N, C-alpha and C. Protein backbone atom coordinates (compact mmCIF):
# COMPACT_ATOMS: atom_id res chain seq x y z
N UNK A 1 -56.91 38.40 19.96
CA UNK A 1 -56.78 39.65 19.24
C UNK A 1 -57.71 40.67 19.88
N UNK A 2 -57.23 41.86 20.08
CA UNK A 2 -58.06 42.91 20.67
C UNK A 2 -58.49 43.96 19.66
N UNK A 3 -57.70 44.18 18.63
CA UNK A 3 -58.04 45.19 17.63
C UNK A 3 -57.38 44.83 16.32
N UNK A 4 -58.02 45.22 15.22
CA UNK A 4 -57.43 44.96 13.92
C UNK A 4 -57.85 46.04 12.94
N UNK A 5 -57.12 46.15 11.85
CA UNK A 5 -57.45 47.07 10.78
C UNK A 5 -56.98 46.46 9.48
N UNK A 6 -57.69 46.76 8.41
CA UNK A 6 -57.33 46.25 7.11
C UNK A 6 -57.47 47.37 6.09
N UNK A 7 -56.44 47.60 5.31
CA UNK A 7 -56.44 48.60 4.25
C UNK A 7 -56.16 47.88 2.95
N UNK A 8 -56.85 48.26 1.89
CA UNK A 8 -56.57 47.63 0.60
C UNK A 8 -56.65 48.66 -0.51
N UNK A 9 -56.04 48.31 -1.63
CA UNK A 9 -56.05 49.21 -2.78
C UNK A 9 -55.15 50.41 -2.58
N UNK A 10 -55.50 51.50 -3.23
CA UNK A 10 -54.68 52.72 -3.14
C UNK A 10 -55.13 53.53 -1.93
N UNK A 11 -54.20 53.87 -1.08
CA UNK A 11 -54.51 54.69 0.08
C UNK A 11 -53.29 55.51 0.44
N UNK A 12 -53.53 56.62 1.10
CA UNK A 12 -52.46 57.53 1.47
C UNK A 12 -51.76 57.04 2.73
N UNK A 13 -50.54 57.51 2.92
CA UNK A 13 -49.78 57.13 4.12
C UNK A 13 -50.48 57.60 5.39
N UNK A 14 -51.29 58.66 5.28
CA UNK A 14 -52.03 59.11 6.47
C UNK A 14 -53.01 58.03 6.94
N UNK A 15 -53.53 57.22 6.02
CA UNK A 15 -54.42 56.12 6.40
C UNK A 15 -53.67 55.07 7.21
N UNK A 16 -52.41 54.84 6.86
CA UNK A 16 -51.58 53.90 7.61
C UNK A 16 -51.38 54.40 9.03
N UNK A 17 -51.01 55.67 9.17
CA UNK A 17 -50.79 56.24 10.51
C UNK A 17 -52.07 56.19 11.35
N UNK A 18 -53.20 56.50 10.73
CA UNK A 18 -54.47 56.46 11.46
C UNK A 18 -54.80 55.04 11.89
N UNK A 19 -54.59 54.08 11.01
CA UNK A 19 -54.88 52.68 11.35
C UNK A 19 -54.01 52.19 12.50
N UNK A 20 -52.72 52.54 12.47
CA UNK A 20 -51.81 52.13 13.55
C UNK A 20 -52.27 52.74 14.87
N UNK A 21 -52.57 54.04 14.87
CA UNK A 21 -53.02 54.69 16.11
C UNK A 21 -54.32 54.07 16.62
N UNK A 22 -55.23 53.72 15.73
CA UNK A 22 -56.50 53.11 16.14
C UNK A 22 -56.29 51.74 16.75
N UNK A 23 -55.50 50.91 16.07
CA UNK A 23 -55.25 49.55 16.56
C UNK A 23 -54.46 49.57 17.87
N UNK A 24 -53.58 50.54 18.03
CA UNK A 24 -52.76 50.60 19.24
C UNK A 24 -53.28 51.62 20.26
N UNK A 25 -54.55 51.93 20.21
CA UNK A 25 -55.14 52.86 21.18
C UNK A 25 -54.81 52.39 22.60
N UNK A 26 -54.28 53.31 23.41
CA UNK A 26 -53.92 52.99 24.79
C UNK A 26 -52.53 52.44 24.95
N UNK A 27 -51.83 52.16 23.84
CA UNK A 27 -50.46 51.66 23.93
C UNK A 27 -49.52 52.82 24.23
N UNK A 28 -48.31 52.50 24.62
CA UNK A 28 -47.34 53.54 24.93
C UNK A 28 -47.03 54.34 23.66
N UNK A 29 -46.76 55.64 23.81
CA UNK A 29 -46.42 56.46 22.65
C UNK A 29 -45.20 55.92 21.89
N UNK A 30 -44.24 55.36 22.61
CA UNK A 30 -43.07 54.78 21.95
C UNK A 30 -43.43 53.61 21.07
N UNK A 31 -44.35 52.76 21.54
CA UNK A 31 -44.80 51.63 20.73
C UNK A 31 -45.53 52.11 19.48
N UNK A 32 -46.35 53.14 19.64
CA UNK A 32 -47.09 53.68 18.49
C UNK A 32 -46.12 54.25 17.46
N UNK A 33 -45.11 54.99 17.91
CA UNK A 33 -44.11 55.55 16.99
C UNK A 33 -43.35 54.44 16.27
N UNK A 34 -42.91 53.44 17.02
CA UNK A 34 -42.16 52.33 16.41
C UNK A 34 -43.02 51.57 15.41
N UNK A 35 -44.25 51.28 15.77
CA UNK A 35 -45.15 50.55 14.88
C UNK A 35 -45.43 51.36 13.61
N UNK A 36 -45.63 52.66 13.77
CA UNK A 36 -45.89 53.50 12.60
C UNK A 36 -44.71 53.49 11.65
N UNK A 37 -43.52 53.63 12.19
CA UNK A 37 -42.30 53.63 11.36
C UNK A 37 -42.15 52.28 10.66
N UNK A 38 -42.40 51.19 11.37
CA UNK A 38 -42.30 49.85 10.80
C UNK A 38 -43.28 49.67 9.66
N UNK A 39 -44.54 50.00 9.90
CA UNK A 39 -45.57 49.80 8.88
C UNK A 39 -45.31 50.69 7.67
N UNK A 40 -44.93 51.94 7.90
CA UNK A 40 -44.63 52.83 6.77
C UNK A 40 -43.49 52.29 5.92
N UNK A 41 -42.47 51.72 6.54
CA UNK A 41 -41.36 51.16 5.78
C UNK A 41 -41.80 49.93 5.00
N UNK A 42 -42.61 49.06 5.60
CA UNK A 42 -43.10 47.88 4.88
C UNK A 42 -43.96 48.28 3.68
N UNK A 43 -44.77 49.32 3.84
CA UNK A 43 -45.59 49.81 2.74
C UNK A 43 -44.71 50.41 1.64
N UNK A 44 -43.72 51.20 2.02
CA UNK A 44 -42.80 51.78 1.03
C UNK A 44 -42.09 50.68 0.26
N UNK A 45 -41.65 49.65 0.96
CA UNK A 45 -40.96 48.54 0.31
C UNK A 45 -41.88 47.81 -0.66
N UNK A 46 -43.16 47.68 -0.29
CA UNK A 46 -44.12 46.97 -1.14
C UNK A 46 -44.39 47.72 -2.45
N UNK A 47 -44.09 49.00 -2.47
CA UNK A 47 -44.33 49.80 -3.68
C UNK A 47 -43.09 49.93 -4.56
N UNK A 48 -41.98 49.35 -4.14
CA UNK A 48 -40.73 49.48 -4.90
C UNK A 48 -40.68 48.46 -6.04
N UNK A 49 -39.86 48.78 -7.02
CA UNK A 49 -39.57 47.83 -8.09
C UNK A 49 -40.74 47.53 -9.00
N UNK A 50 -41.69 48.43 -9.10
CA UNK A 50 -42.82 48.22 -10.00
C UNK A 50 -43.93 47.38 -9.41
N UNK A 51 -43.81 46.99 -8.15
CA UNK A 51 -44.86 46.18 -7.50
C UNK A 51 -46.06 47.06 -7.16
N UNK A 52 -47.22 46.44 -6.98
CA UNK A 52 -48.44 47.14 -6.61
C UNK A 52 -48.86 46.71 -5.22
N UNK A 53 -49.01 47.66 -4.33
CA UNK A 53 -49.47 47.37 -2.97
C UNK A 53 -50.91 46.90 -3.03
N UNK A 54 -51.19 45.75 -2.42
CA UNK A 54 -52.55 45.20 -2.41
C UNK A 54 -53.27 45.45 -1.10
N UNK A 55 -52.59 45.18 0.01
CA UNK A 55 -53.29 45.33 1.29
C UNK A 55 -52.30 45.41 2.44
N UNK A 56 -52.81 45.97 3.55
CA UNK A 56 -52.08 46.04 4.81
C UNK A 56 -53.05 45.60 5.89
N UNK A 57 -52.64 44.63 6.69
CA UNK A 57 -53.47 44.16 7.79
C UNK A 57 -52.69 44.31 9.09
N UNK A 58 -53.35 44.83 10.10
CA UNK A 58 -52.77 45.00 11.42
C UNK A 58 -53.62 44.23 12.42
N UNK A 59 -53.00 43.51 13.32
CA UNK A 59 -53.73 42.79 14.35
C UNK A 59 -52.97 42.91 15.67
N UNK A 60 -53.67 43.35 16.70
CA UNK A 60 -53.07 43.51 18.03
C UNK A 60 -53.54 42.38 18.93
N UNK A 61 -52.61 41.81 19.64
CA UNK A 61 -52.92 40.75 20.61
C UNK A 61 -52.55 41.24 22.00
N UNK A 62 -53.25 40.70 23.00
CA UNK A 62 -52.98 41.12 24.38
C UNK A 62 -52.03 40.18 25.11
N UNK A 63 -51.98 38.92 24.69
CA UNK A 63 -51.16 37.97 25.42
C UNK A 63 -50.39 37.08 24.45
N UNK A 64 -49.12 37.33 24.30
CA UNK A 64 -48.35 38.46 24.82
C UNK A 64 -48.71 39.72 24.04
N UNK A 65 -48.48 40.89 24.63
CA UNK A 65 -48.81 42.13 23.95
C UNK A 65 -47.96 42.27 22.67
N UNK A 66 -48.64 42.31 21.53
CA UNK A 66 -47.90 42.35 20.27
C UNK A 66 -48.77 42.91 19.16
N UNK A 67 -48.09 43.29 18.09
CA UNK A 67 -48.73 43.74 16.87
C UNK A 67 -48.21 42.87 15.74
N UNK A 68 -49.11 42.37 14.93
CA UNK A 68 -48.74 41.59 13.75
C UNK A 68 -49.15 42.39 12.52
N UNK A 69 -48.24 42.49 11.57
CA UNK A 69 -48.45 43.26 10.35
C UNK A 69 -48.29 42.33 9.15
N UNK A 70 -49.24 42.39 8.22
CA UNK A 70 -49.14 41.65 6.96
C UNK A 70 -49.29 42.67 5.84
N UNK A 71 -48.34 42.71 4.92
CA UNK A 71 -48.39 43.60 3.77
C UNK A 71 -48.30 42.74 2.52
N UNK A 72 -49.30 42.85 1.64
CA UNK A 72 -49.30 42.08 0.41
C UNK A 72 -49.09 42.99 -0.78
N UNK A 73 -48.31 42.49 -1.73
CA UNK A 73 -48.08 43.21 -2.97
C UNK A 73 -48.13 42.25 -4.14
N UNK A 74 -48.49 42.79 -5.29
CA UNK A 74 -48.45 42.04 -6.53
C UNK A 74 -47.17 42.43 -7.23
N UNK A 75 -46.38 41.44 -7.54
CA UNK A 75 -45.10 41.70 -8.18
C UNK A 75 -45.31 42.15 -9.62
N UNK A 76 -44.37 42.94 -10.12
CA UNK A 76 -44.40 43.37 -11.52
C UNK A 76 -44.29 42.14 -12.41
N UNK A 77 -44.82 42.23 -13.61
CA UNK A 77 -44.79 41.10 -14.53
C UNK A 77 -43.40 40.60 -14.83
N UNK A 78 -42.44 41.51 -14.88
CA UNK A 78 -41.06 41.12 -15.12
C UNK A 78 -40.20 41.72 -14.03
N UNK A 79 -39.15 41.04 -13.72
CA UNK A 79 -38.24 41.54 -12.69
C UNK A 79 -37.62 42.85 -13.17
N UNK A 80 -37.58 43.81 -12.29
CA UNK A 80 -37.03 45.12 -12.66
C UNK A 80 -35.53 45.16 -12.49
N UNK A 81 -34.99 44.24 -11.72
CA UNK A 81 -33.55 44.25 -11.48
C UNK A 81 -33.11 45.49 -10.72
N UNK A 82 -34.03 46.02 -9.90
CA UNK A 82 -33.73 47.23 -9.14
C UNK A 82 -32.52 46.98 -8.26
N UNK A 83 -31.50 47.84 -8.37
CA UNK A 83 -30.30 47.65 -7.55
C UNK A 83 -30.60 47.92 -6.08
N UNK A 84 -29.78 47.36 -5.24
CA UNK A 84 -29.90 47.58 -3.80
C UNK A 84 -29.37 48.97 -3.49
N UNK A 85 -30.30 49.92 -3.41
CA UNK A 85 -29.95 51.32 -3.19
C UNK A 85 -29.76 51.59 -1.70
N UNK A 86 -29.16 52.73 -1.37
CA UNK A 86 -29.05 53.08 0.05
C UNK A 86 -30.42 53.18 0.73
N UNK A 87 -31.44 53.65 0.00
CA UNK A 87 -32.79 53.76 0.57
C UNK A 87 -33.34 52.38 0.93
N UNK A 88 -33.18 51.42 0.03
CA UNK A 88 -33.66 50.07 0.30
C UNK A 88 -32.88 49.46 1.46
N UNK A 89 -31.58 49.62 1.44
CA UNK A 89 -30.74 49.08 2.52
C UNK A 89 -31.12 49.68 3.86
N UNK A 90 -31.31 51.00 3.89
CA UNK A 90 -31.71 51.66 5.14
C UNK A 90 -33.08 51.15 5.61
N UNK A 91 -34.00 50.95 4.67
CA UNK A 91 -35.32 50.43 5.02
C UNK A 91 -35.25 49.06 5.65
N UNK A 92 -34.39 48.22 5.14
CA UNK A 92 -34.24 46.87 5.71
C UNK A 92 -33.66 46.95 7.12
N UNK A 93 -32.73 47.88 7.34
CA UNK A 93 -32.19 48.07 8.68
C UNK A 93 -33.28 48.55 9.64
N UNK A 94 -34.15 49.44 9.16
CA UNK A 94 -35.27 49.92 9.98
C UNK A 94 -36.14 48.75 10.41
N UNK A 95 -36.50 47.89 9.48
CA UNK A 95 -37.33 46.73 9.79
C UNK A 95 -36.62 45.81 10.77
N UNK A 96 -35.35 45.53 10.51
CA UNK A 96 -34.57 44.67 11.42
C UNK A 96 -34.50 45.24 12.83
N UNK A 97 -34.33 46.56 12.93
CA UNK A 97 -34.18 47.21 14.22
C UNK A 97 -35.48 47.21 15.02
N UNK A 98 -36.61 47.40 14.34
CA UNK A 98 -37.88 47.57 15.05
C UNK A 98 -38.61 46.25 15.28
N UNK A 99 -38.69 45.43 14.26
CA UNK A 99 -39.50 44.20 14.34
C UNK A 99 -38.87 43.17 15.27
N UNK A 100 -39.71 42.47 16.00
CA UNK A 100 -39.25 41.36 16.82
C UNK A 100 -38.86 40.20 15.90
N UNK A 101 -39.65 40.04 14.82
CA UNK A 101 -39.39 39.02 13.80
C UNK A 101 -40.07 39.49 12.53
N UNK A 102 -39.56 39.04 11.37
CA UNK A 102 -40.20 39.37 10.11
C UNK A 102 -39.74 38.41 9.04
N UNK A 103 -40.49 38.38 7.94
CA UNK A 103 -40.13 37.51 6.83
C UNK A 103 -41.03 37.76 5.64
N UNK A 104 -40.78 37.05 4.56
CA UNK A 104 -41.60 37.18 3.36
C UNK A 104 -41.94 35.80 2.83
N UNK A 105 -43.04 35.77 2.09
CA UNK A 105 -43.47 34.54 1.43
C UNK A 105 -44.07 34.94 0.09
N UNK A 106 -43.67 34.25 -0.98
CA UNK A 106 -44.20 34.55 -2.30
C UNK A 106 -44.96 33.34 -2.82
N UNK A 107 -46.15 33.61 -3.36
CA UNK A 107 -46.96 32.58 -4.01
C UNK A 107 -47.43 33.17 -5.33
N UNK A 108 -46.97 32.59 -6.40
CA UNK A 108 -47.24 33.09 -7.75
C UNK A 108 -46.78 34.53 -7.85
N UNK A 109 -47.70 35.47 -8.11
CA UNK A 109 -47.27 36.87 -8.29
C UNK A 109 -47.53 37.72 -7.05
N UNK A 110 -47.86 37.08 -5.93
CA UNK A 110 -48.16 37.82 -4.70
C UNK A 110 -47.11 37.53 -3.64
N UNK A 111 -46.56 38.60 -3.09
CA UNK A 111 -45.60 38.47 -1.99
C UNK A 111 -46.22 39.07 -0.74
N UNK A 112 -46.15 38.33 0.35
CA UNK A 112 -46.62 38.81 1.65
C UNK A 112 -45.41 38.99 2.55
N UNK A 113 -45.28 40.19 3.08
CA UNK A 113 -44.25 40.45 4.08
C UNK A 113 -44.97 40.56 5.41
N UNK A 114 -44.49 39.83 6.39
CA UNK A 114 -45.10 39.88 7.73
C UNK A 114 -44.05 40.37 8.72
N UNK A 115 -44.54 41.00 9.74
CA UNK A 115 -43.66 41.45 10.82
C UNK A 115 -44.42 41.37 12.13
N UNK A 116 -43.69 41.09 13.18
CA UNK A 116 -44.26 41.06 14.53
C UNK A 116 -43.49 42.06 15.38
N UNK A 117 -44.22 42.75 16.24
CA UNK A 117 -43.62 43.74 17.12
C UNK A 117 -44.13 43.48 18.53
N UNK A 118 -43.22 43.18 19.45
CA UNK A 118 -43.60 43.01 20.84
C UNK A 118 -43.87 44.37 21.44
N UNK A 119 -45.01 44.52 22.10
CA UNK A 119 -45.38 45.79 22.70
C UNK A 119 -45.04 45.77 24.19
N UNK A 120 -44.68 46.92 24.71
CA UNK A 120 -44.43 47.02 26.14
C UNK A 120 -45.78 47.03 26.85
N UNK A 121 -45.77 46.48 28.02
CA UNK A 121 -46.99 46.59 28.83
C UNK A 121 -47.13 48.03 29.26
N UNK A 122 -48.34 48.52 29.28
CA UNK A 122 -48.61 49.93 29.63
C UNK A 122 -47.91 50.27 30.95
N UNK A 123 -47.23 51.39 30.98
CA UNK A 123 -46.52 51.82 32.17
C UNK A 123 -45.07 51.41 32.19
N UNK A 124 -44.64 50.58 31.23
CA UNK A 124 -43.23 50.16 31.15
C UNK A 124 -42.46 51.03 30.20
């Protein structure tokens, strides 16, 4: 790992963008844009359906060049039954399009969504 950032509690989306730029310092502008869009969508998803965003962790690795994102949320006490809206569907497409791999894991009332993004080597 070469760089990491951790955000917890209530924070503005500007903090997410700053954290991504800091962790990806020196990366290609395209990678920074893609990572920012990915992380913003994961954060937006974590706030849907009455859930509470707990934390966002970013970790950059050099070999292979990649970014790993972990977003944790506390689920609402009762299921909201939120319908699959166009916004949610579009968000899932964004994650599918950008992330190299992603998934979720739930333990009790906490859900962690992880995503990996392969970064281009500088100059590519």
